[in-house]
């Protein structure tokens, strides 16, 4: 499958303005060091925590996509080994396919 996104792994670095602590930001960078995404939060603690959590989730995206693809393939292989040819109705398979489609720009 052809990929158009920046290859993983991605890394997340969180920064705060040392004086005011008002500028909380997180850089998400690809393996090549180029910025992939940027998260920003205002000065409240909750927003800093949320911004950092969002940045970590974004940084994990390439790994999560690969895990979904591998998991789907393994489930399909297992289903076929038990003679289950139509496994598409399984709720886990549906969720995996929807997540992969959302991440790759495929049909939703």
Protein backbone atom coordinates (compact mmCIF):
# COMPACT_ATOMS: atom_id res chain seq x y z
CA UNK A 1 0.00 0.00 0.00
CA UNK A 2 1.37 3.38 -0.99
CA UNK A 3 1.86 5.83 1.88
CA UNK A 4 1.68 9.59 1.66
CA UNK A 5 2.22 10.46 5.32
CA UNK A 6 5.58 11.10 6.95
CA UNK A 7 7.08 7.78 7.95
CA UNK A 8 7.28 6.84 11.59
CA UNK A 9 8.26 6.64 14.25
CA UNK A 10 7.21 10.11 15.31
CA UNK A 11 8.47 11.80 18.45
CA UNK A 12 6.79 14.31 20.73
CA UNK A 13 8.54 17.15 22.55
CA UNK A 14 6.67 19.42 24.97
CA UNK A 15 7.79 22.98 25.73
CA UNK A 16 6.58 25.71 28.08
CA UNK A 17 7.54 29.35 28.38
CA UNK A 18 9.73 29.31 31.51
CA UNK A 19 8.72 32.80 32.65
CA UNK A 20 4.98 32.92 32.11
CA UNK A 21 4.20 29.20 31.60
CA UNK A 22 1.53 30.55 29.26
CA UNK A 23 2.90 29.22 26.00
CA UNK A 24 2.62 25.48 26.22
CA UNK A 25 3.29 23.73 22.94
CA UNK A 26 4.21 20.33 21.65
CA UNK A 27 6.11 19.51 18.49
CA UNK A 28 5.55 16.20 16.76
CA UNK A 29 8.43 15.35 14.46
CA UNK A 30 9.05 12.51 12.05
CA UNK A 31 12.09 10.25 12.05
CA UNK A 32 13.77 12.76 9.74
CA UNK A 33 13.37 15.51 12.36
CA UNK A 34 10.88 17.52 10.30
CA UNK A 35 7.77 18.84 12.08
CA UNK A 36 4.68 16.78 11.35
CA UNK A 37 2.26 18.52 13.71
CA UNK A 38 2.09 21.17 16.40
CA UNK A 39 -0.19 21.29 19.45
CA UNK A 40 -0.77 24.43 21.49
CA UNK A 41 -2.55 25.08 24.80
CA UNK A 42 -3.28 28.12 26.93
CA UNK A 43 -1.83 28.60 30.40
CA UNK A 44 -4.18 26.44 32.47
CA UNK A 45 -2.84 23.18 33.81
CA UNK A 46 -5.68 21.13 32.35
CA UNK A 47 -5.04 22.49 28.89
CA UNK A 48 -1.32 21.71 29.21
CA UNK A 49 -2.12 18.14 30.25
CA UNK A 50 -4.65 17.77 27.45
CA UNK A 51 -2.30 19.30 24.88
CA UNK A 52 0.50 16.95 25.89
CA UNK A 53 -1.83 13.94 25.75
CA UNK A 54 -3.06 15.00 22.30
CA UNK A 55 0.50 15.41 21.08
CA UNK A 56 1.47 11.93 22.34
CA UNK A 57 -1.56 10.44 20.58
CA UNK A 58 -0.65 12.20 17.34
CA UNK A 59 2.95 11.01 17.66
CA UNK A 60 1.74 7.42 18.11
CA UNK A 61 -0.38 7.55 14.92
CA UNK A 62 2.02 5.72 12.57
CA UNK A 63 2.45 2.90 15.10
CA UNK A 64 -1.30 2.71 15.70
CA UNK A 65 -1.99 2.53 11.95
CA UNK A 66 0.51 -0.29 11.54
CA UNK A 67 -0.96 -2.13 14.54
CA UNK A 68 -4.46 -1.86 13.03
CA UNK A 69 -3.26 -3.16 9.67
CA UNK A 70 -1.33 -6.06 11.18
CA UNK A 71 -4.19 -6.89 13.54
CA UNK A 72 -6.70 -6.90 10.70
CA UNK A 73 -4.48 -9.13 8.58
CA UNK A 74 -3.96 -11.55 11.47
CA UNK A 75 -7.69 -11.72 12.22
CA UNK A 76 -8.49 -12.35 8.57
CA UNK A 77 -5.82 -15.06 8.34
CA UNK A 78 -7.17 -16.70 11.49
CA UNK A 79 -10.76 -16.49 10.25
CA UNK A 80 -9.83 -18.06 6.92
CA UNK A 81 -7.97 -20.87 8.67
CA UNK A 82 -11.24 -21.74 10.42
CA UNK A 83 -13.18 -21.52 7.17
CA UNK A 84 -14.86 -18.21 7.97
CA UNK A 85 -14.83 -16.51 4.59
CA UNK A 86 -17.17 -13.62 5.42
CA UNK A 87 -15.61 -12.05 8.49
CA UNK A 88 -16.44 -8.44 7.54
CA UNK A 89 -19.46 -8.33 9.85
CA UNK A 90 -17.31 -8.78 12.95
CA UNK A 91 -17.38 -5.57 15.05
CA UNK A 92 -13.62 -5.64 15.65
CA UNK A 93 -12.94 -6.04 11.93
CA UNK A 94 -15.34 -3.17 11.20
CA UNK A 95 -13.56 -0.92 13.71
CA UNK A 96 -10.12 -1.79 12.37
CA UNK A 97 -11.20 -1.15 8.79
CA UNK A 98 -12.83 2.17 9.74
CA UNK A 99 -9.70 3.31 11.60
CA UNK A 100 -7.46 2.34 8.68
CA UNK A 101 -9.74 4.11 6.20
CA UNK A 102 -9.81 7.26 8.33
CA UNK A 103 -6.03 7.29 8.65
CA UNK A 104 -5.36 6.62 4.96
CA UNK A 105 -8.11 8.74 3.42
CA UNK A 106 -10.00 5.69 2.19
CA UNK A 107 -13.77 5.23 2.08
CA UNK A 108 -15.31 5.81 5.48
